[in-house]
Amino acid sequence: MPEKRSIKDLIDGLVDKDGLKTEVTVTLTNQTLTKIVLALLASGATIVIVAHITKNIFPNHQLTALQTDMSAIKSILKKQL
């Protein structure tokens, strides 16, 4: 089990007497990488689902108006022919 570190220890590792340390080593374990990949996949799926739901729940009024106009134009053309 990994050792628990406090926020103070993490900040002390990033800051010294001269200011911020520019060389910071980040260790990624397989478990961490798996969590990152799953989080990215979940967020991508959430974006797609929200976009799909938004598109279907909130109708596009311009598209509805265009469809009405097209129907009117078709009926006028049928009468003239």
Protein backbone atom coordinates (compact mmCIF):
# COMPACT_ATOMS: atom_id res chain seq x y z
CA MET A 1 0.00 0.00 0.00
CA PRO A 2 1.47 3.41 -0.91
CA GLU A 3 2.47 5.69 1.89
CA LYS A 4 0.12 8.53 2.77
CA ARG A 5 1.50 12.01 2.30
CA SER A 6 0.05 15.22 3.59
CA ILE A 7 -0.45 18.34 1.51
CA LYS A 8 2.30 20.03 3.50
CA ASP A 9 4.80 17.34 2.50
CA LEU A 10 3.81 17.67 -1.16
CA ILE A 11 4.14 21.46 -1.08
CA ASP A 12 7.48 21.20 0.71
CA GLY A 13 8.62 18.93 -2.11
CA LEU A 14 7.73 21.57 -4.69
CA VAL A 15 8.98 24.68 -2.88
CA ASP A 16 12.35 25.28 -1.29
CA LYS A 17 14.12 28.34 0.13
CA ASP A 18 14.77 29.74 -3.38
CA GLY A 19 11.17 29.41 -4.53
CA LEU A 20 9.45 26.86 -6.74
CA LYS A 21 11.49 23.89 -7.79
CA THR A 22 11.52 23.56 -11.57
CA GLU A 23 12.49 19.91 -11.64
CA VAL A 24 9.65 17.83 -10.30
CA THR A 25 9.47 14.09 -10.77
CA VAL A 26 6.02 12.62 -11.22
CA THR A 27 5.70 8.88 -10.86
CA LEU A 28 2.74 7.25 -12.58
CA THR A 29 1.82 3.75 -11.56
CA ASN A 30 -0.30 1.37 -13.62
CA GLN A 31 -3.21 2.03 -11.28
CA THR A 32 -2.89 5.80 -11.78
CA LEU A 33 -2.68 5.46 -15.56
CA THR A 34 -5.73 3.20 -15.54
CA LYS A 35 -7.68 5.78 -13.53
CA ILE A 36 -6.62 8.55 -15.92
CA VAL A 37 -7.65 6.54 -19.00
CA LEU A 38 -11.00 5.57 -17.47
CA ALA A 39 -11.67 9.18 -16.47
CA LEU A 40 -10.92 10.38 -20.01
CA LEU A 41 -13.16 7.71 -21.53
CA ALA A 42 -15.97 8.51 -19.10
CA SER A 43 -15.72 12.24 -19.76
CA GLY A 44 -15.76 11.67 -23.53
CA ALA A 45 -18.81 9.43 -23.25
CA THR A 46 -20.52 11.99 -21.02
CA ILE A 47 -19.90 14.76 -23.56
CA VAL A 48 -21.36 12.64 -26.36
CA ILE A 49 -24.42 11.69 -24.30
CA VAL A 50 -25.09 15.26 -23.17
CA ALA A 51 -24.74 16.55 -26.74
CA HIS A 52 -27.11 13.87 -28.03
CA ILE A 53 -29.69 14.50 -25.31
CA THR A 54 -29.46 18.27 -25.78
CA LYS A 55 -29.92 17.93 -29.54
CA ASN A 56 -32.99 15.73 -29.16
CA ILE A 57 -34.67 17.47 -26.22
CA PHE A 58 -34.30 21.06 -27.42
CA PRO A 59 -35.64 21.33 -30.96
CA ASN A 60 -33.91 23.54 -33.49
CA HIS A 61 -36.46 26.26 -34.30
CA GLN A 62 -34.63 27.29 -37.46
CA LEU A 63 -34.76 23.74 -38.77
CA THR A 64 -38.47 23.54 -38.00
CA ALA A 65 -39.06 26.83 -39.82
CA LEU A 66 -37.08 25.60 -42.84
CA GLN A 67 -39.08 22.37 -42.96
CA THR A 68 -42.34 24.37 -42.86
CA ASP A 69 -41.12 26.64 -45.66
CA MET A 70 -40.04 23.64 -47.76
CA SER A 71 -43.47 22.05 -47.33
CA ALA A 72 -45.13 25.29 -48.39
CA ILE A 73 -42.88 25.58 -51.45
CA LYS A 74 -43.58 21.96 -52.44
CA SER A 75 -47.35 22.46 -52.16
CA ILE A 76 -47.19 25.66 -54.27
CA LEU A 77 -45.10 23.93 -56.94
CA LYS A 78 -47.50 20.96 -57.05
CA LYS A 79 -50.44 23.32 -57.58
CA GLN A 80 -48.65 25.16 -60.41
CA LEU A 81 -47.71 22.00 -62.27
